[in-house]
Amino acid sequence: MKKGEVTVYLSLVFILLVSFAGALLESASVQNAKNYRRADVDRAVECLFAEYQRELLEEYDIFALEASYETGSYTEQNIKDRLSFYGAGQMEHKIKRIQFLTDNGCRPFYEQISAYMRHKYGLTAMEDKLGAASVWKEQEEKAGVYEQEDKEAQNALDELLSENDSELPKEENPLEHAKQLKQTPLLSLVSPKDMHISEKSVPPEGLLERRERNKGYGDFSDVEEEEGAVSRLLLGEYLLEHFNCASDKGEKTGALDYELEYILNGQPGDRENLEKTARKLLLLRFVPNYAYIQTDSEKKAEAKAAALALCSLIALPAAAEAAAQGILLAWAFGETIIDIRALLKGSKVPLVKSKESWQLQLSSLLTLGTDTDYTEGKDSEDGLDYREYMRILLFLADSGDTGLRTLDMIEQDLRREKGLAFFKADQCVSRMEIETTVPLRRGITYQFPTYYGYR
């Protein structure tokens, strides 16, 4: 190779090496710029979510970004302005997906509760309640079956009486008295003599269930946790820790006195919520009471004797069997009234009855709900109190409704107790992903996503 050719060759090699080095430097420079911009956005997003609503965390152990920034009016621009304030300005931010506490059946709210309660108690604390939960579910299912049995027994008796153009006497008749009791307002039957029923209420139009809610968008299934029986049990424990109920003593300063009852039923007033709770307790307690009385030979014999005496008065002994079944149902109903009365007084009632824990005599059924009714129920050491029965009812309730109503109570109490008139749960951000487009130089742009969520 001639000398001139070598020089040309080396020059070309040198140019290639310089070009390669320049390309490497340019690539490194661009990548470095990308890293800086991503770091700027990461820092800004973390600072943004560090502005969680303090009172919500302190009072209810829930993290959320109050995205109206105390104005009561949420806009996406609020979030973008805060990103710019924290150093992510001169970039274009698009919210790709966002989720509020009330979205997806309040799933983000449930997830935080579950994580908090798991951390506080551990899963082993819930293991013994998992077995009980299956029993609660079974009792709920049996309640409908027993209600149907009650109707069938009454229909059978009515049919026999109609065929024979007869009518049972109204005096000293447990069936007639039970019929009258079922037409009486339930609270007047189950309230202890010294119980003052709260008349507090909240404006219905402002409740989450009844107003148009702010909603997020985008799919978060990749980061959401599945809800199961354990999560529902943990929710119940959380509710029992943070909210009042009818059996609690002492002064109550919240928007409602019966907060757990509101979460269960969703009525604007305390009285209505307590009435509905009592009806649910009636079904829950009637199942084991009726199941037990069917196994007690003495009580069955007493019911048959009473039925035969009633039917003999109208010379219709053929109706005695149907009447006896009706008396057993009425007796179990009366026992259930006493159970609820005992719970509201603060006593404990066993989940399953025995001969020793049964309270109501058949003769006392006839005075139940009258001026001479002074029975308020026994206190059973191995029983469950009102709050523990509320745990069962909350577990059996629809979780979507429970979440919204819980956030309703949180809203009402933060506004009333903390003066946060602007606070709305459907403006509280739980997780968010943004897509950022940033110009680098010479027409080069960089686009990247950033996700953050409270866990």
Protein backbone atom coordinates (compact mmCIF):
# COMPACT_ATOMS: atom_id res chain seq x y z
CA MET A 1 0.00 0.00 0.00
CA LYS A 2 1.38 3.38 -1.00
CA LYS A 3 2.01 6.10 1.55
CA GLY A 4 -0.84 8.31 0.27
CA GLU A 5 -3.29 5.46 0.43
CA VAL A 6 -2.27 4.73 4.02
CA THR A 7 -2.85 8.35 4.95
CA VAL A 8 -6.32 8.31 3.40
CA TYR A 9 -7.14 5.04 5.14
CA LEU A 10 -6.02 6.30 8.53
CA SER A 11 -7.95 9.52 8.01
CA LEU A 12 -11.13 7.57 7.30
CA VAL A 13 -10.56 5.39 10.36
CA PHE A 14 -9.97 8.46 12.50
CA ILE A 15 -13.14 10.11 11.20
CA LEU A 16 -15.12 6.95 11.95
CA LEU A 17 -13.68 6.77 15.47
CA VAL A 18 -14.45 10.42 16.12
CA SER A 19 -17.99 9.98 14.76
CA PHE A 20 -18.49 6.88 16.92
CA ALA A 21 -17.19 8.69 20.00
CA GLY A 22 -19.41 11.65 19.19
CA ALA A 23 -22.42 9.36 18.81
CA LEU A 24 -21.64 7.74 22.15
CA LEU A 25 -21.31 11.11 23.82
CA GLU A 26 -24.56 12.32 22.25
CA SER A 27 -26.38 9.14 23.27
CA ALA A 28 -25.03 9.41 26.80
CA SER A 29 -25.98 13.07 26.93
CA VAL A 30 -29.54 12.35 25.75
CA GLN A 31 -29.88 9.44 28.18
CA ASN A 32 -28.55 11.61 30.97
CA ALA A 33 -31.13 14.28 30.11
CA LYS A 34 -33.85 11.62 30.15
CA ASN A 35 -32.71 10.40 33.56
CA TYR A 36 -32.76 13.94 34.95
CA ARG A 37 -36.25 14.57 33.62
CA ARG A 38 -37.53 11.24 34.98
CA ALA A 39 -35.93 11.98 38.35
CA ASP A 40 -37.57 15.42 38.36
CA VAL A 41 -41.00 13.87 37.76
CA ASP A 42 -40.46 11.06 40.28
CA ARG A 43 -39.51 13.59 42.93
CA ALA A 44 -42.44 15.83 42.05
CA VAL A 45 -44.94 12.93 42.21
CA GLU A 46 -43.58 11.76 45.56
CA CYS A 47 -43.80 15.30 46.93
CA LEU A 48 -47.34 15.55 45.56
CA PHE A 49 -48.49 12.38 47.35
CA ALA A 50 -46.68 13.47 50.50
CA GLU A 51 -49.41 16.12 50.77
CA TYR A 52 -51.86 13.49 52.08
CA GLN A 53 -54.83 14.70 54.09
CA ARG A 54 -53.46 14.78 57.64
CA GLU A 55 -56.69 14.55 59.66
CA LEU A 56 -57.87 11.61 57.57
CA LEU A 57 -54.71 9.72 58.50
CA GLU A 58 -54.68 10.73 62.15
CA GLU A 59 -58.34 9.95 62.81
CA TYR A 60 -58.99 7.03 60.44
CA ASP A 61 -55.56 5.65 59.43
CA ILE A 62 -56.19 6.25 55.73
CA PHE A 63 -53.78 7.87 53.26
CA ALA A 64 -55.31 9.98 50.48
CA LEU A 65 -54.42 13.08 48.51
CA GLU A 66 -57.20 15.67 48.99
CA ALA A 67 -57.06 16.89 45.40
CA SER A 68 -59.35 19.91 45.73
CA TYR A 69 -56.66 21.47 47.95
CA GLU A 70 -59.24 22.71 50.45
CA THR A 71 -61.39 24.40 47.82
CA GLY A 72 -64.05 21.69 47.65
CA SER A 73 -63.70 21.64 43.85
CA TYR A 74 -61.48 19.06 42.15
CA THR A 75 -59.84 19.63 38.76
CA GLU A 76 -56.93 17.84 37.10
CA GLN A 77 -55.23 21.21 36.78
CA ASN A 78 -54.83 21.24 40.58
CA ILE A 79 -52.57 18.21 40.30
CA LYS A 80 -50.63 19.53 37.31
CA ASP A 81 -50.00 22.84 39.07
CA ARG A 82 -48.57 21.03 42.09
CA LEU A 83 -46.31 18.95 39.84
CA SER A 84 -44.95 22.16 38.35
CA PHE A 85 -44.49 23.64 41.83
CA TYR A 86 -42.35 20.66 42.79
CA GLY A 87 -40.01 20.99 39.83
CA ALA A 88 -41.76 19.16 37.01
CA GLY A 89 -42.59 22.27 35.03
CA GLN A 90 -41.85 22.87 31.34
CA MET A 91 -43.19 19.40 30.66
CA GLU A 92 -46.50 18.18 29.37
CA HIS A 93 -48.30 15.93 31.87
CA LYS A 94 -51.30 13.80 31.01
CA ILE A 95 -53.13 11.83 33.69
CA LYS A 96 -53.30 8.37 32.17
CA ARG A 97 -55.29 6.78 34.98
CA ILE A 98 -56.46 7.96 38.40
CA GLN A 99 -58.45 6.38 41.22
CA PHE A 100 -60.33 7.96 44.12
CA LEU A 101 -61.27 6.32 47.43
CA THR A 102 -64.86 5.81 46.24
CA ASP A 103 -64.03 4.17 42.90
CA ASN A 104 -64.60 0.53 41.97
CA GLY A 105 -66.85 -0.22 44.93
CA CYS A 106 -64.46 1.62 47.27
CA ARG A 107 -61.74 -0.93 46.47
CA PRO A 108 -58.77 1.41 47.20
CA PHE A 109 -60.34 2.25 50.57
CA TYR A 110 -60.74 -1.45 51.42
CA GLU A 111 -57.17 -2.23 50.39
CA GLN A 112 -55.76 0.36 52.75
CA ILE A 113 -57.95 -0.88 55.61
CA SER A 114 -56.88 -4.47 54.95
CA ALA A 115 -53.17 -3.54 54.84
CA TYR A 116 -53.47 -1.47 58.02
CA MET A 117 -55.35 -4.15 59.97
CA ARG A 118 -53.05 -6.95 58.76
CA HIS A 119 -50.06 -4.94 59.91
CA LYS A 120 -51.71 -4.20 63.26
CA TYR A 121 -53.04 -7.65 64.13
CA GLY A 122 -51.60 -10.16 61.68
CA LEU A 123 -53.58 -12.84 59.87
CA THR A 124 -53.55 -15.31 62.77
CA ALA A 125 -55.91 -13.04 64.70
CA MET A 126 -58.57 -13.64 62.02
CA GLU A 127 -58.21 -17.43 61.76
CA ASP A 128 -60.65 -18.23 64.56
CA LYS A 129 -63.19 -15.82 63.07
CA LEU A 130 -63.03 -17.44 59.62
CA GLY A 131 -64.77 -20.55 60.95
CA ALA A 132 -67.37 -18.42 62.71
CA ALA A 133 -67.98 -16.46 59.48
CA SER A 134 -69.21 -19.61 57.72
CA VAL A 135 -71.67 -20.18 60.58
CA TRP A 136 -72.91 -16.59 60.25
CA LYS A 137 -73.51 -17.10 56.55
CA GLU A 138 -75.38 -20.34 57.21
CA GLN A 139 -77.62 -18.64 59.76
CA GLU A 140 -78.44 -15.89 57.29
CA GLU A 141 -79.52 -18.50 54.75
CA LYS A 142 -81.62 -20.37 57.34
CA ALA A 143 -83.46 -17.19 58.29
CA GLY A 144 -85.30 -17.22 54.98
CA VAL A 145 -86.16 -20.90 55.39
CA TYR A 146 -87.62 -20.34 58.86
CA GLU A 147 -89.59 -17.33 57.69
CA GLN A 148 -91.16 -19.55 55.06
CA GLU A 149 -91.92 -22.21 57.70
CA ASP A 150 -93.64 -19.57 59.81
CA LYS A 151 -95.87 -18.57 56.87
CA GLU A 152 -96.66 -22.19 56.00
CA ALA A 153 -97.58 -23.04 59.59
CA GLN A 154 -99.88 -20.02 59.82
CA ASN A 155 -101.45 -20.82 56.43
CA ALA A 156 -102.04 -24.44 57.45
CA LEU A 157 -103.74 -23.36 60.67
CA ASP A 158 -105.83 -20.70 58.91
CA GLU A 159 -106.94 -23.25 56.32
CA LEU A 160 -108.07 -25.73 58.97
CA LEU A 161 -109.96 -23.04 60.86
CA SER A 162 -111.56 -21.77 57.66
CA GLU A 163 -112.68 -25.23 56.59
CA ASN A 164 -114.40 -25.70 59.93
CA ASP A 165 -115.68 -22.14 60.10
CA SER A 166 -113.89 -21.70 63.43
CA GLU A 167 -111.70 -19.10 65.11
CA LEU A 168 -109.27 -19.51 67.98
CA PRO A 169 -110.05 -17.46 71.11
CA LYS A 170 -108.12 -14.20 71.37
CA GLU A 171 -107.68 -14.28 75.14
CA GLU A 172 -104.66 -16.17 76.54
CA ASN A 173 -103.64 -17.04 72.98
CA PRO A 174 -99.86 -16.90 72.28
CA LEU A 175 -100.51 -16.96 68.53
CA GLU A 176 -102.79 -13.93 68.65
CA HIS A 177 -100.43 -12.04 70.94
CA ALA A 178 -97.43 -12.78 68.71
CA LYS A 179 -99.42 -11.51 65.73
CA GLN A 180 -100.06 -8.24 67.56
CA LEU A 181 -96.38 -7.97 68.53
CA LYS A 182 -95.32 -8.29 64.89
CA GLN A 183 -97.54 -5.33 64.02
CA THR A 184 -96.02 -3.20 66.81
CA PRO A 185 -93.05 -0.87 66.02
CA LEU A 186 -90.04 -3.01 66.77
CA LEU A 187 -88.06 -0.38 68.67
CA SER A 188 -90.85 -0.03 71.22
CA LEU A 189 -90.53 -3.78 71.91
CA VAL A 190 -86.74 -4.14 72.04
CA SER A 191 -85.67 -0.87 73.69
CA PRO A 192 -84.71 -1.19 77.39
CA LYS A 193 -86.83 0.97 79.70
CA ASP A 194 -84.02 3.46 80.42
CA MET A 195 -82.74 3.75 76.83
CA HIS A 196 -82.92 7.16 75.16
CA ILE A 197 -83.13 6.77 71.38
CA SER A 198 -81.17 9.37 69.43
CA GLU A 199 -83.08 11.57 66.99
CA LYS A 200 -79.98 12.87 65.16
CA SER A 201 -79.98 12.93 61.37
CA VAL A 202 -77.85 14.15 58.48
CA PRO A 203 -79.01 15.89 55.25
CA PRO A 204 -79.70 13.02 52.81
CA GLU A 205 -78.81 14.99 49.67
CA GLY A 206 -75.19 15.32 50.79
CA LEU A 207 -74.59 11.60 51.35
CA LEU A 208 -72.23 9.78 49.00
CA GLU A 209 -74.83 7.15 48.09
CA ARG A 210 -77.30 9.82 47.00
CA ARG A 211 -75.19 12.45 45.26
CA GLU A 212 -73.33 12.50 41.96
CA ARG A 213 -69.78 11.41 42.72
CA ASN A 214 -66.49 12.37 41.15
CA LYS A 215 -65.10 9.29 39.39
CA GLY A 216 -61.65 8.26 38.27
CA TYR A 217 -60.74 6.35 35.13
CA GLY A 218 -58.28 3.76 33.89
CA ASP A 219 -57.74 0.12 34.82
CA PHE A 220 -55.77 -0.62 38.00
CA SER A 221 -56.31 -4.38 38.01
CA ASP A 222 -52.53 -4.86 37.77
CA VAL A 223 -52.04 -3.34 41.25
CA GLU A 224 -55.35 -4.12 42.98
CA GLU A 225 -55.69 -6.88 45.56
CA GLU A 226 -58.46 -9.46 45.54
CA GLU A 227 -61.14 -9.15 48.20
CA GLY A 228 -61.94 -12.25 50.26
CA ALA A 229 -63.49 -13.32 53.54
CA VAL A 230 -60.42 -12.22 55.49
CA SER A 231 -60.59 -8.72 54.00
CA ARG A 232 -64.25 -8.44 55.00
CA LEU A 233 -63.45 -9.57 58.53
CA LEU A 234 -60.63 -7.01 58.72
CA LEU A 235 -63.05 -4.33 57.53
CA GLY A 236 -65.42 -5.25 60.35
CA GLU A 237 -62.64 -4.97 62.93
CA TYR A 238 -61.66 -1.58 61.52
CA LEU A 239 -65.25 -0.32 61.73
CA LEU A 240 -65.64 -1.54 65.31
CA GLU A 241 -62.46 0.33 66.27
CA HIS A 242 -63.32 3.65 64.66
CA PHE A 243 -67.10 4.15 64.97
CA ASN A 244 -69.83 4.37 67.64
CA CYS A 245 -72.94 2.23 68.00
CA ALA A 246 -76.17 2.21 70.01
CA SER A 247 -74.81 0.21 72.96
CA ASP A 248 -71.86 2.56 73.60
CA LYS A 249 -72.05 4.56 76.79
CA GLY A 250 -70.91 8.14 77.23
CA GLU A 251 -71.24 11.27 75.15
CA LYS A 252 -71.24 10.93 71.37
CA THR A 253 -70.20 14.02 69.40
CA GLY A 254 -70.36 12.75 65.80
CA ALA A 255 -72.88 13.70 63.14
CA LEU A 256 -74.82 10.57 64.14
CA ASP A 257 -74.78 8.67 67.43
CA TYR A 258 -75.32 5.29 65.77
CA GLU A 259 -72.53 5.32 63.19
CA LEU A 260 -72.19 1.55 62.79
CA GLU A 261 -75.95 1.29 62.32
CA TYR A 262 -75.75 3.94 59.58
CA ILE A 263 -72.92 2.05 57.86
CA LEU A 264 -75.10 -1.07 57.97
CA ASN A 265 -78.36 0.52 56.77
CA GLY A 266 -77.69 3.90 55.14
CA GLN A 267 -80.68 5.84 56.50
CA PRO A 268 -80.21 9.56 57.27
CA GLY A 269 -81.54 9.30 60.85
CA ASP A 270 -80.38 7.40 63.93
CA ARG A 271 -83.85 6.10 64.77
CA GLU A 272 -84.40 4.61 61.30
CA ASN A 273 -80.97 2.95 61.34
CA LEU A 274 -81.53 1.44 64.78
CA GLU A 275 -84.94 0.13 63.68
CA LYS A 276 -83.44 -1.58 60.63
CA THR A 277 -80.57 -2.98 62.69
CA ALA A 278 -83.04 -4.43 65.19
CA ARG A 279 -84.90 -6.14 62.32
CA LYS A 280 -81.67 -7.70 61.09
CA LEU A 281 -80.83 -8.84 64.60
CA LEU A 282 -84.34 -10.28 64.84
CA LEU A 283 -83.66 -12.57 61.88
CA LEU A 284 -80.14 -13.40 63.06
CA ARG A 285 -81.26 -14.35 66.58
CA PHE A 286 -84.51 -16.06 65.55
CA VAL A 287 -82.61 -18.79 63.68
CA PRO A 288 -80.74 -20.29 66.67
CA ASN A 289 -83.69 -19.71 68.99
CA TYR A 290 -86.09 -21.62 66.77
CA ALA A 291 -83.47 -24.30 66.09
CA TYR A 292 -83.04 -24.84 69.81
CA ILE A 293 -86.72 -24.90 70.78
CA GLN A 294 -87.31 -27.65 68.23
CA THR A 295 -84.90 -29.84 70.22
CA ASP A 296 -86.35 -29.10 73.68
CA SER A 297 -88.89 -31.84 74.44
CA GLU A 298 -90.29 -30.03 77.49
CA LYS A 299 -91.03 -26.83 75.59
CA LYS A 300 -92.51 -28.78 72.68
CA ALA A 301 -94.79 -30.63 75.12
CA GLU A 302 -95.80 -27.32 76.74
CA ALA A 303 -96.59 -25.84 73.32
CA LYS A 304 -98.68 -28.91 72.40
CA ALA A 305 -100.61 -28.69 75.66
CA ALA A 306 -101.34 -25.00 75.11
CA ALA A 307 -102.39 -25.68 71.51
CA LEU A 308 -104.67 -28.53 72.53
CA ALA A 309 -106.30 -26.36 75.18
CA LEU A 310 -106.99 -23.61 72.63
CA CYS A 311 -108.34 -26.03 70.04
CA SER A 312 -110.49 -27.84 72.59
CA LEU A 313 -112.29 -24.60 73.33
CA ILE A 314 -113.52 -24.54 69.75
CA ALA A 315 -113.93 -28.34 69.55
CA LEU A 316 -111.30 -28.68 66.83
CA PRO A 317 -108.51 -30.94 68.17
CA ALA A 318 -107.38 -31.67 64.59
CA ALA A 319 -105.87 -28.16 64.47
CA ALA A 320 -103.76 -28.76 67.60
CA GLU A 321 -100.63 -29.89 65.71
CA ALA A 322 -100.57 -26.85 63.43
CA ALA A 323 -101.30 -24.58 66.39
CA ALA A 324 -98.46 -26.15 68.40
CA GLN A 325 -96.03 -25.44 65.58
CA GLY A 326 -97.27 -21.85 65.46
CA ILE A 327 -96.81 -21.49 69.22
CA LEU A 328 -93.21 -22.71 68.96
CA LEU A 329 -92.53 -20.11 66.28
CA ALA A 330 -94.21 -17.40 68.39
CA TRP A 331 -92.22 -18.48 71.45
CA ALA A 332 -88.93 -18.28 69.53
CA PHE A 333 -89.97 -14.84 68.26
CA GLY A 334 -90.63 -13.66 71.83
CA GLU A 335 -87.27 -15.02 73.00
CA THR A 336 -85.61 -13.09 70.19
CA ILE A 337 -87.25 -9.84 71.36
CA ILE A 338 -85.75 -10.41 74.82
CA ASP A 339 -82.35 -11.16 73.26
CA ILE A 340 -82.25 -7.84 71.39
CA ARG A 341 -83.42 -5.99 74.48
CA ALA A 342 -80.55 -7.57 76.45
CA LEU A 343 -78.03 -6.62 73.75
CA LEU A 344 -79.13 -2.97 73.68
CA LYS A 345 -78.86 -2.86 77.46
CA GLY A 346 -75.23 -3.98 77.21
CA SER A 347 -75.64 -7.66 78.15
CA LYS A 348 -74.25 -10.65 76.29
CA VAL A 349 -76.37 -13.22 74.47
CA PRO A 350 -75.02 -16.65 73.44
CA LEU A 351 -74.92 -17.39 69.74
CA VAL A 352 -76.53 -20.81 70.36
CA LYS A 353 -79.16 -21.28 73.08
CA SER A 354 -79.37 -24.02 75.72
CA LYS A 355 -81.87 -24.92 78.44
CA GLU A 356 -79.91 -22.74 80.89
CA SER A 357 -79.64 -19.68 78.63
CA TRP A 358 -83.27 -19.71 77.44
CA GLN A 359 -85.03 -16.72 79.04
CA LEU A 360 -88.74 -16.52 78.16
CA GLN A 361 -91.43 -18.68 79.71
CA LEU A 362 -94.51 -19.39 77.59
CA SER A 363 -96.71 -17.65 80.14
CA SER A 364 -94.50 -14.52 79.92
CA LEU A 365 -94.95 -14.42 76.14
CA LEU A 366 -98.52 -13.23 76.78
CA THR A 367 -97.29 -10.14 78.70
CA LEU A 368 -94.46 -9.27 76.30
CA GLY A 369 -94.81 -5.69 75.08
CA THR A 370 -97.44 -4.78 77.68
CA ASP A 371 -97.26 -2.43 80.68
CA THR A 372 -96.47 -5.42 82.91
CA ASP A 373 -93.45 -6.45 80.82
CA TYR A 374 -90.31 -5.89 82.90
CA THR A 375 -88.07 -8.56 81.33
CA GLU A 376 -84.77 -7.16 80.03
CA GLY A 377 -82.86 -10.39 79.54
CA LYS A 378 -79.98 -12.19 81.19
CA ASP A 379 -76.28 -11.47 80.81
CA SER A 380 -74.45 -14.59 79.63
CA GLU A 381 -70.70 -14.64 80.31
CA ASP A 382 -69.94 -16.84 77.32
CA GLY A 383 -72.21 -14.85 75.00
CA LEU A 384 -71.62 -12.06 72.49
CA ASP A 385 -72.41 -8.40 73.14
CA TYR A 386 -74.10 -5.92 70.80
CA ARG A 387 -70.83 -4.88 69.12
CA GLU A 388 -69.94 -8.50 68.39
CA TYR A 389 -73.33 -9.04 66.79
CA MET A 390 -72.71 -5.88 64.76
CA ARG A 391 -69.52 -7.54 63.53
CA ILE A 392 -71.63 -10.41 62.18
CA LEU A 393 -74.15 -8.11 60.49
CA LEU A 394 -71.38 -6.01 58.91
CA PHE A 395 -69.69 -9.14 57.56
CA LEU A 396 -72.97 -10.25 55.97
CA ALA A 397 -73.66 -6.80 54.48
CA ASP A 398 -72.89 -5.79 50.89
CA SER A 399 -69.30 -4.54 50.91
CA GLY A 400 -69.87 -1.85 48.24
CA ASP A 401 -72.61 -0.18 50.29
CA THR A 402 -70.58 -0.56 53.48
CA GLY A 403 -67.60 1.26 51.97
CA LEU A 404 -69.59 4.25 50.74
CA ARG A 405 -71.41 4.60 54.04
CA THR A 406 -68.17 4.37 56.00
CA LEU A 407 -66.71 7.18 53.90
CA ASP A 408 -69.96 9.08 54.49
CA MET A 409 -69.38 8.91 58.23
CA ILE A 410 -65.76 9.94 57.78
CA GLU A 411 -66.87 12.92 55.68
CA GLN A 412 -69.53 13.99 58.18
CA ASP A 413 -67.26 13.68 61.21
CA LEU A 414 -64.25 15.46 59.65
CA ARG A 415 -66.52 18.32 58.64
CA ARG A 416 -68.18 18.51 62.04
CA GLU A 417 -65.29 17.72 64.40
CA LYS A 418 -62.30 19.08 62.44
CA GLY A 419 -63.95 21.93 60.57
CA LEU A 420 -63.03 20.50 57.15
CA ALA A 421 -66.11 21.80 55.31
CA PHE A 422 -64.39 21.20 51.95
CA PHE A 423 -63.70 17.49 52.53
CA LYS A 424 -65.23 15.01 50.08
CA ALA A 425 -64.15 11.38 49.88
CA ASP A 426 -64.74 11.25 46.12
CA GLN A 427 -62.06 13.93 45.65
CA CYS A 428 -59.42 11.96 47.56
CA VAL A 429 -56.86 10.36 45.24
CA SER A 430 -55.57 6.92 46.19
CA ARG A 431 -53.39 6.11 43.16
CA MET A 432 -52.47 7.70 39.88
CA GLU A 433 -50.34 7.22 36.78
CA ILE A 434 -49.25 10.16 34.63
CA GLU A 435 -47.68 10.19 31.18
CA THR A 436 -45.06 12.91 30.72
CA THR A 437 -43.77 14.31 27.42
CA VAL A 438 -40.65 16.46 27.70
CA PRO A 439 -38.64 18.20 24.94
CA LEU A 440 -34.90 17.51 25.17
CA ARG A 441 -33.06 19.25 22.29
CA ARG A 442 -32.94 19.47 18.52
CA GLY A 443 -36.51 18.20 18.19
CA ILE A 444 -35.95 15.16 20.44
CA THR A 445 -38.81 14.45 22.87
CA TYR A 446 -39.02 11.88 25.62
CA GLN A 447 -42.26 10.27 26.83
CA PHE A 448 -42.48 8.12 29.97
CA PRO A 449 -45.05 6.98 32.60
CA THR A 450 -44.87 7.54 36.41
CA TYR A 451 -47.09 5.64 38.85
CA TYR A 452 -47.70 6.20 42.53
CA GLY A 453 -50.26 4.72 44.89
CA TYR A 454 -50.82 4.53 48.63
CA ARG A 455 -50.53 1.01 50.02
